[in-house]
Every structure is written in C-alpha cells, then in structure tokens.
Amino acid sequence: MSKLEGGLLSGPRQRLTPEEFRSLEELRHRPKQRMVSDEHRERLIKAGYVRALVAPNDGVYDLALTGRGLRRLEIGK
C-alpha cells in the first residue's frame, strides 16, 4: 500500500489555524501562491490539502487544491 493510500488520503482531518484555513480558501481562488506564507503552504501540502504543480518561479509556486482540500473547504474549519 502506498503512503498516499494508507496515509494522507485516509488519515484524520488535520487541525488548521484560522489563518491556515484562510490560506486554503485563498488558494481556491488564486492558485499562484503569492499571499500565502511559506509556513502555511508547507503545512497545507503536508496535510494533503494542496500540491505544488511546478517548481517555484521567482519564489512563486503554482499550487492546486487536492480533492481532500476541496472537501475540507466544503466542511469548513
């Protein structure tokens, strides 16, 4: 079983701070990570809510919400 199958996708919902949740909402509307802090970006990626599509260009990442991230936004905090 891969890590994704047994870990991130099936694991419990990660606790997010209100600021991290707002960052997740921001990424829904603007996938270029300009306003999201590096710390929030890394936590959201680690939790499986977003993924980096390409390597950073001038320090800006193109990020995409995962299915898990979309579901988290639907349920709320």
N, C-alpha and C. Protein backbone atom coordinates (compact mmCIF):
# COMPACT_ATOMS: atom_id res chain seq x y z
N MET A 1 0.85 -1.17 0.00
CA MET A 1 0.00 0.00 0.00
C MET A 1 0.90 1.24 0.00
N SER A 2 0.60 2.20 -0.87
CA SER A 2 1.43 3.40 -0.94
C SER A 2 1.13 4.33 0.22
N LYS A 3 2.02 5.27 0.43
CA LYS A 3 1.84 6.23 1.51
C LYS A 3 0.56 7.02 1.33
N LEU A 4 0.25 7.39 0.07
CA LEU A 4 -0.98 8.15 -0.18
C LEU A 4 -2.22 7.31 0.15
N GLU A 5 -2.19 6.04 -0.23
CA GLU A 5 -3.36 5.21 0.04
C GLU A 5 -3.57 4.99 1.53
N GLY A 6 -2.48 4.80 2.27
CA GLY A 6 -2.62 4.47 3.68
C GLY A 6 -2.38 5.64 4.61
N GLY A 7 -1.92 6.77 4.09
CA GLY A 7 -1.55 7.87 4.97
C GLY A 7 -2.40 9.11 4.77
N LEU A 8 -1.93 9.98 3.89
CA LEU A 8 -2.54 11.30 3.76
C LEU A 8 -4.01 11.26 3.38
N LEU A 9 -4.37 10.41 2.44
CA LEU A 9 -5.75 10.44 1.96
C LEU A 9 -6.74 9.81 2.93
N SER A 10 -6.29 8.87 3.72
CA SER A 10 -7.22 8.20 4.60
C SER A 10 -7.08 8.63 6.05
N GLY A 11 -6.12 9.49 6.32
CA GLY A 11 -5.85 9.89 7.70
C GLY A 11 -6.89 10.86 8.24
N PRO A 12 -6.79 11.16 9.52
CA PRO A 12 -7.73 12.09 10.14
C PRO A 12 -7.53 13.51 9.61
N ARG A 13 -8.55 14.29 9.74
CA ARG A 13 -8.51 15.67 9.29
C ARG A 13 -7.49 16.45 10.12
N GLN A 14 -6.61 17.18 9.45
CA GLN A 14 -5.59 17.97 10.11
C GLN A 14 -6.23 19.21 10.73
N ARG A 15 -5.79 19.54 11.92
CA ARG A 15 -6.27 20.75 12.58
C ARG A 15 -5.56 21.95 11.96
N LEU A 16 -6.33 22.94 11.51
CA LEU A 16 -5.77 24.14 10.91
C LEU A 16 -6.10 25.35 11.78
N THR A 17 -5.19 26.29 11.82
CA THR A 17 -5.49 27.55 12.49
C THR A 17 -6.44 28.33 11.58
N PRO A 18 -7.13 29.33 12.12
CA PRO A 18 -7.99 30.16 11.25
C PRO A 18 -7.21 30.79 10.10
N GLU A 19 -5.96 31.17 10.35
CA GLU A 19 -5.14 31.77 9.30
C GLU A 19 -4.80 30.76 8.21
N GLU A 20 -4.50 29.52 8.61
CA GLU A 20 -4.21 28.47 7.63
C GLU A 20 -5.44 28.15 6.80
N PHE A 21 -6.61 28.15 7.45
CA PHE A 21 -7.85 27.89 6.71
C PHE A 21 -8.09 29.00 5.69
N ARG A 22 -7.84 30.25 6.07
CA ARG A 22 -7.99 31.37 5.13
C ARG A 22 -7.00 31.22 3.96
N SER A 23 -5.80 30.72 4.24
CA SER A 23 -4.84 30.47 3.18
C SER A 23 -5.38 29.42 2.21
N LEU A 24 -6.00 28.38 2.74
CA LEU A 24 -6.60 27.35 1.90
C LEU A 24 -7.70 27.95 1.03
N GLU A 25 -8.53 28.80 1.62
CA GLU A 25 -9.57 29.48 0.85
C GLU A 25 -8.97 30.38 -0.23
N GLU A 26 -7.90 31.07 0.10
CA GLU A 26 -7.21 31.95 -0.86
C GLU A 26 -6.73 31.14 -2.06
N LEU A 27 -6.21 29.95 -1.82
CA LEU A 27 -5.70 29.12 -2.91
C LEU A 27 -6.82 28.60 -3.80
N ARG A 28 -8.03 28.53 -3.29
CA ARG A 28 -9.16 28.11 -4.14
C ARG A 28 -9.36 29.14 -5.25
N HIS A 29 -9.16 30.41 -4.93
CA HIS A 29 -9.43 31.49 -5.89
C HIS A 29 -8.19 31.93 -6.66
N ARG A 30 -7.04 31.78 -6.04
CA ARG A 30 -5.78 32.23 -6.67
C ARG A 30 -4.70 31.17 -6.46
N PRO A 31 -4.56 30.23 -7.42
CA PRO A 31 -3.61 29.14 -7.22
C PRO A 31 -2.14 29.54 -7.23
N LYS A 32 -1.82 30.74 -7.68
CA LYS A 32 -0.43 31.18 -7.58
C LYS A 32 -0.19 31.65 -6.17
N GLN A 33 0.73 31.01 -5.49
CA GLN A 33 0.97 31.29 -4.07
C GLN A 33 1.76 32.57 -3.91
N ARG A 34 1.06 33.69 -3.76
CA ARG A 34 1.71 34.97 -3.53
C ARG A 34 1.38 35.49 -2.14
N MET A 35 0.17 35.26 -1.68
CA MET A 35 -0.27 35.82 -0.41
C MET A 35 -0.20 34.81 0.73
N VAL A 36 0.12 33.56 0.42
CA VAL A 36 0.15 32.51 1.43
C VAL A 36 1.58 32.37 1.95
N SER A 37 1.72 32.38 3.25
CA SER A 37 3.07 32.28 3.83
C SER A 37 3.69 30.92 3.51
N ASP A 38 5.02 30.89 3.52
CA ASP A 38 5.73 29.63 3.27
C ASP A 38 5.34 28.57 4.29
N GLU A 39 5.19 28.99 5.54
CA GLU A 39 4.81 28.06 6.61
C GLU A 39 3.44 27.44 6.34
N HIS A 40 2.47 28.27 5.96
CA HIS A 40 1.13 27.76 5.66
C HIS A 40 1.17 26.84 4.45
N ARG A 41 1.89 27.26 3.41
CA ARG A 41 1.99 26.43 2.20
C ARG A 41 2.53 25.05 2.55
N GLU A 42 3.60 24.99 3.31
CA GLU A 42 4.20 23.70 3.67
C GLU A 42 3.25 22.84 4.49
N ARG A 43 2.53 23.45 5.44
CA ARG A 43 1.58 22.68 6.27
C ARG A 43 0.43 22.16 5.43
N LEU A 44 -0.08 22.97 4.50
CA LEU A 44 -1.19 22.55 3.66
C LEU A 44 -0.76 21.42 2.71
N ILE A 45 0.46 21.49 2.22
CA ILE A 45 0.98 20.42 1.36
C ILE A 45 1.14 19.14 2.19
N LYS A 46 1.74 19.27 3.37
CA LYS A 46 1.97 18.10 4.23
C LYS A 46 0.64 17.44 4.64
N ALA A 47 -0.40 18.24 4.85
CA ALA A 47 -1.70 17.71 5.24
C ALA A 47 -2.44 17.09 4.05
N GLY A 48 -1.93 17.31 2.84
CA GLY A 48 -2.57 16.74 1.66
C GLY A 48 -3.69 17.59 1.08
N TYR A 49 -3.79 18.85 1.50
CA TYR A 49 -4.86 19.73 1.01
C TYR A 49 -4.50 20.43 -0.29
N VAL A 50 -3.21 20.62 -0.55
CA VAL A 50 -2.76 21.22 -1.80
C VAL A 50 -1.52 20.48 -2.28
N ARG A 51 -1.19 20.67 -3.55
CA ARG A 51 0.05 20.11 -4.08
C ARG A 51 0.68 21.15 -5.01
N ALA A 52 1.99 21.12 -5.06
CA ALA A 52 2.72 22.01 -5.95
C ALA A 52 2.69 21.42 -7.36
N LEU A 53 2.32 22.24 -8.34
CA LEU A 53 2.26 21.76 -9.72
C LEU A 53 3.60 21.90 -10.42
N VAL A 54 4.31 22.96 -10.14
CA VAL A 54 5.61 23.20 -10.75
C VAL A 54 6.55 23.76 -9.69
N ALA A 55 7.84 23.68 -9.98
CA ALA A 55 8.83 24.25 -9.07
C ALA A 55 8.63 25.76 -9.00
N PRO A 56 9.07 26.36 -7.91
CA PRO A 56 8.87 27.80 -7.76
C PRO A 56 9.59 28.60 -8.83
N ASN A 57 8.92 29.63 -9.31
CA ASN A 57 9.48 30.56 -10.28
C ASN A 57 9.54 31.91 -9.59
N ASP A 58 10.71 32.42 -9.33
CA ASP A 58 10.88 33.67 -8.58
C ASP A 58 10.21 33.60 -7.22
N GLY A 59 10.24 32.41 -6.60
CA GLY A 59 9.65 32.26 -5.27
C GLY A 59 8.15 32.08 -5.26
N VAL A 60 7.52 31.98 -6.43
CA VAL A 60 6.07 31.81 -6.52
C VAL A 60 5.77 30.40 -7.00
N TYR A 61 4.96 29.70 -6.25
CA TYR A 61 4.55 28.34 -6.60
C TYR A 61 3.20 28.36 -7.30
N ASP A 62 3.00 27.45 -8.23
CA ASP A 62 1.66 27.17 -8.74
C ASP A 62 1.16 26.00 -7.90
N LEU A 63 0.07 26.21 -7.20
CA LEU A 63 -0.48 25.19 -6.31
C LEU A 63 -1.87 24.80 -6.78
N ALA A 64 -2.27 23.59 -6.48
CA ALA A 64 -3.61 23.12 -6.80
C ALA A 64 -4.20 22.48 -5.56
N LEU A 65 -5.48 22.75 -5.35
CA LEU A 65 -6.19 22.07 -4.27
C LEU A 65 -6.36 20.62 -4.66
N THR A 66 -6.22 19.74 -3.72
CA THR A 66 -6.49 18.32 -3.94
C THR A 66 -7.97 18.06 -3.63
N GLY A 67 -8.42 16.86 -3.90
CA GLY A 67 -9.79 16.51 -3.53
C GLY A 67 -10.01 16.67 -2.04
N ARG A 68 -9.00 16.30 -1.28
CA ARG A 68 -9.08 16.43 0.19
C ARG A 68 -9.21 17.91 0.59
N GLY A 69 -8.48 18.80 -0.10
CA GLY A 69 -8.56 20.22 0.19
C GLY A 69 -9.93 20.78 -0.15
N LEU A 70 -10.48 20.35 -1.27
CA LEU A 70 -11.82 20.80 -1.65
C LEU A 70 -12.86 20.34 -0.63
N ARG A 71 -12.75 19.08 -0.20
CA ARG A 71 -13.69 18.58 0.81
C ARG A 71 -13.56 19.36 2.10
N ARG A 72 -12.33 19.69 2.49
CA ARG A 72 -12.10 20.45 3.74
C ARG A 72 -12.78 21.82 3.65
N LEU A 73 -12.69 22.46 2.50
CA LEU A 73 -13.36 23.74 2.34
C LEU A 73 -14.88 23.60 2.43
N GLU A 74 -15.41 22.51 1.89
CA GLU A 74 -16.85 22.27 1.96
C GLU A 74 -17.33 22.10 3.39
N ILE A 75 -16.54 21.39 4.22
CA ILE A 75 -16.96 21.14 5.61
C ILE A 75 -16.70 22.36 6.48
N GLY A 76 -15.70 23.15 6.11
CA GLY A 76 -15.34 24.31 6.94
C GLY A 76 -14.21 23.97 7.87
N LYS A 77 -14.00 24.84 8.86
CA LYS A 77 -12.87 24.71 9.78
C LYS A 77 -12.92 23.37 10.46
